[in-house]
């Protein structure tokens, strides 16, 4: 039965906003997450050639209907007027524009905790993200994440205190050693691999373990798969998850 109860302190993080219901990383998706009562959002940051931080998950624009051009190879004026909603629903979201990280901060301020995933290969992106956060005084509202350990190293060299999370497939002693070396705040394993033993191991070196990949790949019964993943993360003792359906979970006292 939905919504599935989770512990009171569990992080319910709207993945790219409420991306099951609105186009990912756009204002409608973040607006809907807020309307659902969600207080944490995940988003994807890439750096344009003119130094703007664009919110876009894929490395290219192909999935959104704009061909194989790479986001990092374009300037912001090339991206600002693209329709980022019609691929999801032309009727409901046609004309929706891409956002920048500063635009997101301007729209919501301290209303959200922001899980900012550093994407792509632009060497200047970590510094640009930190600068955008400092300009609006939201360091306490941000957790920076990445699959790239090198990107997290770059952030840590620039800021000793910002909270960092490493997106990994699973957790093992070698991962924990690297987490300890960077004083990470989170280890973020894939939901379909997380176990109570992994969570217990990770908690020896990081305050939190939160999962990613609560998406479901089954064409026949995606809903059942997603619900099973939610329950797996909770049963493992995880501290939170990113989820496209944030209304499918509910905190209980």
C-alpha atoms as a PDB file:
ATOM      1  CA  UNK A   1       0.000   0.000   0.000  1.00  0.00           C
ATOM      2  CA  UNK A   2       1.163   3.519  -0.766  1.00  0.00           C
ATOM      3  CA  UNK A   3       2.617   5.627   0.659  1.00  0.00           C
ATOM      4  CA  UNK A   4       5.231   3.395   2.250  1.00  0.00           C
ATOM      5  CA  UNK A   5       6.168   4.486   5.797  1.00  0.00           C
ATOM      6  CA  UNK A   6       9.790   5.414   6.481  1.00  0.00           C
ATOM      7  CA  UNK A   7      11.515   6.603   9.677  1.00  0.00           C
ATOM      8  CA  UNK A   8      10.966  10.203  10.758  1.00  0.00           C
ATOM      9  CA  UNK A   9      14.554  11.253   9.973  1.00  0.00           C
ATOM     10  CA  UNK A  10      14.690   9.475   6.607  1.00  0.00           C
ATOM     11  CA  UNK A  11      15.736  11.715   3.698  1.00  0.00           C
ATOM     12  CA  UNK A  12      13.054  11.712   0.998  1.00  0.00           C
ATOM     13  CA  UNK A  13      14.908  13.307  -1.911  1.00  0.00           C
ATOM     14  CA  UNK A  14      12.964  14.168  -5.058  1.00  0.00           C
ATOM     15  CA  UNK A  15      15.185  12.829  -7.848  1.00  0.00           C
ATOM     16  CA  UNK A  16      15.683  15.648 -10.373  1.00  0.00           C
ATOM     17  CA  UNK A  17      12.540  17.025  -8.772  1.00  0.00           C
ATOM     18  CA  UNK A  18       9.335  14.975  -8.871  1.00  0.00           C
ATOM     19  CA  UNK A  19      10.597  13.545 -12.152  1.00  0.00           C
ATOM     20  CA  UNK A  20       8.025  10.789 -12.498  1.00  0.00           C
ATOM     21  CA  UNK A  21       5.391  13.479 -12.971  1.00  0.00           C
ATOM     22  CA  UNK A  22       7.184  16.394 -14.658  1.00  0.00           C
ATOM     23  CA  UNK A  23      10.291  16.838 -16.841  1.00  0.00           C
ATOM     24  CA  UNK A  24      13.440  16.304 -14.811  1.00  0.00           C
ATOM     25  CA  UNK A  25      15.571  19.178 -13.547  1.00  0.00           C
ATOM     26  CA  UNK A  26      12.958  21.780 -14.504  1.00  0.00           C
ATOM     27  CA  UNK A  27      10.882  24.279 -12.553  1.00  0.00           C
ATOM     28  CA  UNK A  28       7.662  22.219 -12.841  1.00  0.00           C
ATOM     29  CA  UNK A  29       9.410  19.179 -11.338  1.00  0.00           C
ATOM     30  CA  UNK A  30      10.790  21.163  -8.415  1.00  0.00           C
ATOM     31  CA  UNK A  31       7.505  23.013  -7.922  1.00  0.00           C
ATOM     32  CA  UNK A  32       5.640  19.724  -7.750  1.00  0.00           C
ATOM     33  CA  UNK A  33       8.125  18.295  -5.259  1.00  0.00           C
ATOM     34  CA  UNK A  34       7.535  21.286  -3.022  1.00  0.00           C
ATOM     35  CA  UNK A  35       3.759  20.955  -3.400  1.00  0.00           C
ATOM     36  CA  UNK A  36       4.114  17.343  -2.240  1.00  0.00           C
ATOM     37  CA  UNK A  37       5.772  18.578   0.933  1.00  0.00           C
ATOM     38  CA  UNK A  38       9.228  17.361  -0.045  1.00  0.00           C
ATOM     39  CA  UNK A  39      12.081  19.330   1.512  1.00  0.00           C
ATOM     40  CA  UNK A  40      15.034  17.815  -0.375  1.00  0.00           C
ATOM     41  CA  UNK A  41      15.783  17.677  -4.088  1.00  0.00           C
ATOM     42  CA  UNK A  42      18.508  16.147  -6.226  1.00  0.00           C
ATOM     43  CA  UNK A  43      19.731  17.831  -9.397  1.00  0.00           C
ATOM     44  CA  UNK A  44      22.439  17.488 -12.021  1.00  0.00           C
ATOM     45  CA  UNK A  45      24.970  20.252 -12.654  1.00  0.00           C
ATOM     46  CA  UNK A  46      27.017  20.690 -15.850  1.00  0.00           C
ATOM     47  CA  UNK A  47      29.221  23.590 -16.892  1.00  0.00           C
ATOM     48  CA  UNK A  48      28.640  25.439 -20.169  1.00  0.00           C
ATOM     49  CA  UNK A  49      31.448  26.904 -22.250  1.00  0.00           C
ATOM     50  CA  UNK A  50      30.640  30.384 -20.901  1.00  0.00           C
ATOM     51  CA  UNK A  51      30.747  29.292 -17.265  1.00  0.00           C
ATOM     52  CA  UNK A  52      27.056  28.837 -16.474  1.00  0.00           C
ATOM     53  CA  UNK A  53      25.906  25.873 -14.384  1.00  0.00           C
ATOM     54  CA  UNK A  54      23.157  24.188 -16.392  1.00  0.00           C
ATOM     55  CA  UNK A  55      20.809  21.675 -14.768  1.00  0.00           C
ATOM     56  CA  UNK A  56      20.787  18.702 -17.103  1.00  0.00           C
ATOM     57  CA  UNK A  57      21.330  15.008 -16.465  1.00  0.00           C
ATOM     58  CA  UNK A  58      22.416  13.619 -19.825  1.00  0.00           C
ATOM     59  CA  UNK A  59      25.706  14.522 -21.413  1.00  0.00           C
ATOM     60  CA  UNK A  60      23.931  15.222 -24.695  1.00  0.00           C
ATOM     61  CA  UNK A  61      20.573  16.707 -25.642  1.00  0.00           C
ATOM     62  CA  UNK A  62      19.407  13.676 -27.655  1.00  0.00           C
ATOM     63  CA  UNK A  63      16.899  12.279 -25.145  1.00  0.00           C
ATOM     64  CA  UNK A  64      15.260  15.691 -24.877  1.00  0.00           C
ATOM     65  CA  UNK A  65      14.724  15.937 -28.633  1.00  0.00           C
ATOM     66  CA  UNK A  66      17.587  18.286 -29.547  1.00  0.00           C
ATOM     67  CA  UNK A  67      20.124  15.994 -31.164  1.00  0.00           C
ATOM     68  CA  UNK A  68      23.508  14.658 -30.068  1.00  0.00           C
ATOM     69  CA  UNK A  69      25.032  17.993 -29.066  1.00  0.00           C
ATOM     70  CA  UNK A  70      26.991  17.841 -25.799  1.00  0.00           C
ATOM     71  CA  UNK A  71      25.795  20.184 -23.047  1.00  0.00           C
ATOM     72  CA  UNK A  72      29.357  21.006 -22.000  1.00  0.00           C
ATOM     73  CA  UNK A  73      30.229  21.973 -25.589  1.00  0.00           C
ATOM     74  CA  UNK A  74      27.561  24.699 -25.701  1.00  0.00           C
ATOM     75  CA  UNK A  75      27.199  28.205 -24.276  1.00  0.00           C
ATOM     76  CA  UNK A  76      24.216  29.099 -22.121  1.00  0.00           C
ATOM     77  CA  UNK A  77      22.475  31.121 -24.901  1.00  0.00           C
ATOM     78  CA  UNK A  78      22.464  27.900 -26.960  1.00  0.00           C
ATOM     79  CA  UNK A  79      20.614  26.116 -24.157  1.00  0.00           C
ATOM     80  CA  UNK A  80      18.419  28.760 -22.546  1.00  0.00           C
ATOM     81  CA  UNK A  81      15.629  28.698 -25.140  1.00  0.00           C
ATOM     82  CA  UNK A  82      15.458  24.945 -25.721  1.00  0.00           C
ATOM     83  CA  UNK A  83      12.146  23.226 -25.017  1.00  0.00           C
ATOM     84  CA  UNK A  84      12.987  20.809 -22.185  1.00  0.00           C
ATOM     85  CA  UNK A  85       9.404  19.751 -21.520  1.00  0.00           C
ATOM     86  CA  UNK A  86       7.875  18.549 -24.786  1.00  0.00           C
ATOM     87  CA  UNK A  87       9.818  15.264 -24.726  1.00  0.00           C
ATOM     88  CA  UNK A  88       7.963  14.437 -21.482  1.00  0.00           C
ATOM     89  CA  UNK A  89       4.533  15.796 -22.453  1.00  0.00           C
ATOM     90  CA  UNK A  90       3.994  18.335 -25.244  1.00  0.00           C
ATOM     91  CA  UNK A  91       0.544  19.211 -23.892  1.00  0.00           C
ATOM     92  CA  UNK A  92       1.437  19.623 -20.243  1.00  0.00           C
ATOM     93  CA  UNK A  93       5.035  20.845 -20.391  1.00  0.00           C
ATOM     94  CA  UNK A  94       5.791  22.087 -23.894  1.00  0.00           C
ATOM     95  CA  UNK A  95       7.932  25.224 -23.730  1.00  0.00           C
ATOM     96  CA  UNK A  96       9.499  24.443 -20.349  1.00  0.00           C
ATOM     97  CA  UNK A  97      13.052  25.808 -20.237  1.00  0.00           C
ATOM     98  CA  UNK A  98      16.303  24.527 -18.827  1.00  0.00           C
ATOM     99  CA  UNK A  99      17.426  26.090 -15.534  1.00  0.00           C
ATOM    100  CA  UNK A 100      20.745  27.148 -14.080  1.00  0.00           C
ATOM    101  CA  UNK A 101      21.799  26.428 -10.511  1.00  0.00           C
ATOM    102  CA  UNK A 102      21.590  30.123  -9.516  1.00  0.00           C
ATOM    103  CA  UNK A 103      18.052  30.262 -10.942  1.00  0.00           C
ATOM    104  CA  UNK A 104      17.101  27.285  -8.807  1.00  0.00           C
ATOM    105  CA  UNK A 105      18.554  28.911  -5.707  1.00  0.00           C
ATOM    106  CA  UNK A 106      16.738  32.168  -6.520  1.00  0.00           C
ATOM    107  CA  UNK A 107      13.448  30.293  -6.869  1.00  0.00           C
ATOM    108  CA  UNK A 108      13.555  28.325  -3.619  1.00  0.00           C
ATOM    109  CA  UNK A 109      16.285  29.699  -1.353  1.00  0.00           C
ATOM    110  CA  UNK A 110      16.449  27.741   1.889  1.00  0.00           C
ATOM    111  CA  UNK A 111      13.160  25.900   1.231  1.00  0.00           C
ATOM    112  CA  UNK A 112      15.103  22.840   0.037  1.00  0.00           C
ATOM    113  CA  UNK A 113      18.161  20.838   0.933  1.00  0.00           C
ATOM    114  CA  UNK A 114      19.945  20.557  -2.407  1.00  0.00           C
ATOM    115  CA  UNK A 115      21.796  17.371  -3.381  1.00  0.00           C
ATOM    116  CA  UNK A 116      23.899  18.759  -6.240  1.00  0.00           C
ATOM    117  CA  UNK A 117      25.410  16.065  -8.437  1.00  0.00           C
ATOM    118  CA  UNK A 118      28.564  17.155 -10.241  1.00  0.00           C
ATOM    119  CA  UNK A 119      28.338  15.749 -13.772  1.00  0.00           C
ATOM    120  CA  UNK A 120      30.578  15.812 -16.793  1.00  0.00           C
ATOM    121  CA  UNK A 121      34.284  16.431 -17.096  1.00  0.00           C
ATOM    122  CA  UNK A 122      34.637  20.214 -16.871  1.00  0.00           C
ATOM    123  CA  UNK A 123      37.546  20.889 -14.529  1.00  0.00           C
ATOM    124  CA  UNK A 124      36.104  24.244 -13.477  1.00  0.00           C
ATOM    125  CA  UNK A 125      32.712  22.851 -12.398  1.00  0.00           C
ATOM    126  CA  UNK A 126      33.515  22.160  -8.714  1.00  0.00           C
ATOM    127  CA  UNK A 127      34.730  25.728  -8.173  1.00  0.00           C
ATOM    128  CA  UNK A 128      31.765  27.165 -10.064  1.00  0.00           C
ATOM    129  CA  UNK A 129      29.278  25.192  -7.958  1.00  0.00           C
ATOM    130  CA  UNK A 130      30.951  26.227  -4.723  1.00  0.00           C
ATOM    131  CA  UNK A 131      30.938  29.858  -5.834  1.00  0.00           C
ATOM    132  CA  UNK A 132      27.219  29.701  -6.671  1.00  0.00           C
ATOM    133  CA  UNK A 133      26.470  28.225  -3.250  1.00  0.00           C
ATOM    134  CA  UNK A 134      28.567  30.795  -1.394  1.00  0.00           C
ATOM    135  CA  UNK A 135      27.010  33.704  -3.261  1.00  0.00           C
ATOM    136  CA  UNK A 136      23.610  32.867  -1.782  1.00  0.00           C
ATOM    137  CA  UNK A 137      24.805  31.612   1.588  1.00  0.00           C
ATOM    138  CA  UNK A 138      23.328  28.122   1.198  1.00  0.00           C
ATOM    139  CA  UNK A 139      26.290  25.945   2.178  1.00  0.00           C
ATOM    140  CA  UNK A 140      24.326  24.440   5.065  1.00  0.00           C
ATOM    141  CA  UNK A 141      21.535  23.531   2.636  1.00  0.00           C
ATOM    142  CA  UNK A 142      23.761  21.704   0.148  1.00  0.00           C
ATOM    143  CA  UNK A 143      25.309  18.272  -0.200  1.00  0.00           C
ATOM    144  CA  UNK A 144      27.579  17.834  -3.225  1.00  0.00           C
ATOM    145  CA  UNK A 145      27.643  14.385  -4.804  1.00  0.00           C
ATOM    146  CA  UNK A 146      29.342  12.655  -7.695  1.00  0.00           C
ATOM    147  CA  UNK A 147      30.193   9.252  -9.124  1.00  0.00           C
ATOM    148  CA  UNK A 148      33.659  10.719  -9.722  1.00  0.00           C
ATOM    149  CA  UNK A 149      35.986  10.467  -6.747  1.00  0.00           C
ATOM    150  CA  UNK A 150      38.320  12.888  -8.530  1.00  0.00           C
ATOM    151  CA  UNK A 151      35.530  15.482  -8.666  1.00  0.00           C
ATOM    152  CA  UNK A 152      34.950  15.086  -4.930  1.00  0.00           C
ATOM    153  CA  UNK A 153      38.680  15.455  -4.325  1.00  0.00           C
ATOM    154  CA  UNK A 154      38.600  18.702  -6.313  1.00  0.00           C
ATOM    155  CA  UNK A 155      35.744  20.011  -4.170  1.00  0.00           C
ATOM    156  CA  UNK A 156      37.479  19.034  -0.933  1.00  0.00           C
ATOM    157  CA  UNK A 157      40.657  20.853  -1.960  1.00  0.00           C
ATOM    158  CA  UNK A 158      38.570  24.007  -2.319  1.00  0.00           C
ATOM    159  CA  UNK A 159      36.352  23.600   0.740  1.00  0.00           C
ATOM    160  CA  UNK A 160      37.165  21.648   3.874  1.00  0.00           C
ATOM    161  CA  UNK A 161      33.674  21.726   5.356  1.00  0.00           C
ATOM    162  CA  UNK A 162      31.087  21.299   2.581  1.00  0.00           C
ATOM    163  CA  UNK A 163      29.210  18.018   2.886  1.00  0.00           C
ATOM    164  CA  UNK A 164      30.117  15.459   0.217  1.00  0.00           C
ATOM    165  CA  UNK A 165      28.478  12.235  -0.932  1.00  0.00           C
ATOM    166  CA  UNK A 166      30.031   9.585  -3.149  1.00  0.00           C
ATOM    167  CA  UNK A 167      27.706   7.716  -5.514  1.00  0.00           C
ATOM    168  CA  UNK A 168      28.890   4.102  -5.664  1.00  0.00           C
ATOM    169  CA  UNK A 169      27.518   0.777  -6.861  1.00  0.00           C
ATOM    170  CA  UNK A 170      28.076  -0.908  -3.514  1.00  0.00           C
ATOM    171  CA  UNK A 171      30.087  -0.449  -0.323  1.00  0.00           C
ATOM    172  CA  UNK A 172      33.211  -2.384   0.610  1.00  0.00           C
ATOM    173  CA  UNK A 173      36.271  -1.744   2.823  1.00  0.00           C
ATOM    174  CA  UNK A 174      38.229  -0.087  -0.006  1.00  0.00           C
ATOM    175  CA  UNK A 175      35.362   2.337  -0.652  1.00  0.00           C
ATOM    176  CA  UNK A 176      35.241   3.090   3.069  1.00  0.00           C
ATOM    177  CA  UNK A 177      38.964   3.828   3.148  1.00  0.00           C
ATOM    178  CA  UNK A 178      38.536   6.365   0.359  1.00  0.00           C
ATOM    179  CA  UNK A 179      35.499   7.855   2.088  1.00  0.00           C
ATOM    180  CA  UNK A 180      37.506   8.324   5.261  1.00  0.00           C
ATOM    181  CA  UNK A 181      40.319  10.031   3.356  1.00  0.00           C
ATOM    182  CA  UNK A 182      37.932  12.749   2.094  1.00  0.00           C
ATOM    183  CA  UNK A 183      35.886  13.016   5.294  1.00  0.00           C
ATOM    184  CA  UNK A 184      32.748  12.235   3.320  1.00  0.00           C
ATOM    185  CA  UNK A 185      29.318  12.913   4.787  1.00  0.00           C
ATOM    186  CA  UNK A 186      27.500  10.255   2.763  1.00  0.00           C
ATOM    187  CA  UNK A 187      28.137   7.044   0.927  1.00  0.00           C
ATOM    188  CA  UNK A 188      25.410   6.512  -1.657  1.00  0.00           C
ATOM    189  CA  UNK A 189      25.058   2.902  -2.858  1.00  0.00           C
ATOM    190  CA  UNK A 190      22.729   1.661  -5.572  1.00  0.00           C
ATOM    191  CA  UNK A 191      19.413   0.647  -4.048  1.00  0.00           C
ATOM    192  CA  UNK A 192      19.316  -2.803  -5.616  1.00  0.00           C
ATOM    193  CA  UNK A 193      22.650  -3.708  -4.016  1.00  0.00           C
ATOM    194  CA  UNK A 194      22.392  -2.181  -0.542  1.00  0.00           C
ATOM    195  CA  UNK A 195      22.415  -4.542   2.454  1.00  0.00           C
ATOM    196  CA  UNK A 196      22.320  -4.114   6.232  1.00  0.00           C
ATOM    197  CA  UNK A 197      25.930  -5.280   6.333  1.00  0.00           C
ATOM    198  CA  UNK A 198      27.005  -2.564   3.869  1.00  0.00           C
ATOM    199  CA  UNK A 199      25.182   0.099   5.856  1.00  0.00           C
ATOM    200  CA  UNK A 200      26.828  -1.051   9.090  1.00  0.00           C
ATOM    201  CA  UNK A 201      30.266  -1.018   7.417  1.00  0.00           C
ATOM    202  CA  UNK A 202      29.718   2.458   5.961  1.00  0.00           C
ATOM    203  CA  UNK A 203      28.536   3.902   9.269  1.00  0.00           C
ATOM    204  CA  UNK A 204      31.987   3.318  10.683  1.00  0.00           C
ATOM    205  CA  UNK A 205      33.313   6.111   8.429  1.00  0.00           C
ATOM    206  CA  UNK A 206      30.365   8.306   7.316  1.00  0.00           C
ATOM    207  CA  UNK A 207      27.364   9.760   9.166  1.00  0.00           C
ATOM    208  CA  UNK A 208      24.840   8.789   6.477  1.00  0.00           C
ATOM    209  CA  UNK A 209      24.093   6.144   3.887  1.00  0.00           C
ATOM    210  CA  UNK A 210      21.546   7.129   1.254  1.00  0.00           C
ATOM    211  CA  UNK A 211      20.576   5.146  -1.809  1.00  0.00           C
ATOM    212  CA  UNK A 212      20.158   6.020  -5.482  1.00  0.00           C
ATOM    213  CA  UNK A 213      18.537   4.158  -8.365  1.00  0.00           C
ATOM    214  CA  UNK A 214      15.035   3.729  -6.904  1.00  0.00           C
ATOM    215  CA  UNK A 215      13.702   3.766 -10.451  1.00  0.00           C
ATOM    216  CA  UNK A 216      12.569   0.319 -11.505  1.00  0.00           C
ATOM    217  CA  UNK A 217      13.405  -1.164 -14.889  1.00  0.00           C
ATOM    218  CA  UNK A 218      10.602  -3.685 -15.255  1.00  0.00           C
ATOM    219  CA  UNK A 219       8.334  -2.850 -18.176  1.00  0.00           C
ATOM    220  CA  UNK A 220       5.685  -5.233 -16.864  1.00  0.00           C
ATOM    221  CA  UNK A 221       5.507  -4.012 -13.269  1.00  0.00           C
ATOM    222  CA  UNK A 222       7.719  -1.024 -12.571  1.00  0.00           C
ATOM    223  CA  UNK A 223       5.570   0.029  -9.607  1.00  0.00           C
ATOM    224  CA  UNK A 224       6.135  -3.252  -7.787  1.00  0.00           C
ATOM    225  CA  UNK A 225       9.874  -3.073  -8.448  1.00  0.00           C
ATOM    226  CA  UNK A 226      10.114   0.484  -7.131  1.00  0.00           C
ATOM    227  CA  UNK A 227       8.180  -0.422  -3.994  1.00  0.00           C
ATOM    228  CA  UNK A 228      10.470  -3.399  -3.402  1.00  0.00           C
ATOM    229  CA  UNK A 229      13.527  -1.142  -3.731  1.00  0.00           C
ATOM    230  CA  UNK A 230      12.074   1.355  -1.244  1.00  0.00           C
ATOM    231  CA  UNK A 231      11.477  -1.436   1.235  1.00  0.00           C
ATOM    232  CA  UNK A 232      14.962  -2.827   0.645  1.00  0.00           C
ATOM    233  CA  UNK A 233      16.621   0.496   1.485  1.00  0.00           C
ATOM    234  CA  UNK A 234      14.513   0.949   4.618  1.00  0.00           C
ATOM    235  CA  UNK A 235      15.125  -2.633   5.769  1.00  0.00           C
ATOM    236  CA  UNK A 236      18.869  -2.155   5.289  1.00  0.00           C
ATOM    237  CA  UNK A 237      18.784   0.796   7.681  1.00  0.00           C
ATOM    238  CA  UNK A 238      19.511   3.455   5.066  1.00  0.00           C
ATOM    239  CA  UNK A 239      19.196   7.137   5.912  1.00  0.00           C
ATOM    240  CA  UNK A 240      17.427   8.196   2.723  1.00  0.00           C
ATOM    241  CA  UNK A 241      17.021   7.793  -1.026  1.00  0.00           C
ATOM    242  CA  UNK A 242      16.549   9.711  -4.212  1.00  0.00           C
ATOM    243  CA  UNK A 243      13.210   8.804  -5.743  1.00  0.00           C
ATOM    244  CA  UNK A 244      11.240   9.901  -8.816  1.00  0.00           C
ATOM    245  CA  UNK A 245       7.967   9.302  -6.924  1.00  0.00           C
ATOM    246  CA  UNK A 246       8.524  11.193  -3.660  1.00  0.00           C
ATOM    247  CA  UNK A 247       4.832  10.908  -2.790  1.00  0.00           C
ATOM    248  CA  UNK A 248       5.203   7.118  -2.580  1.00  0.00           C
ATOM    249  CA  UNK A 249       6.938   7.429   0.805  1.00  0.00           C
ATOM    250  CA  UNK A 250       5.830   9.080   4.021  1.00  0.00           C
ATOM    251  CA  UNK A 251       7.712   9.770   7.227  1.00  0.00           C
ATOM    252  CA  UNK A 252       6.239   8.397  10.431  1.00  0.00           C
ATOM    253  CA  UNK A 253       7.120   9.257  14.023  1.00  0.00           C
END
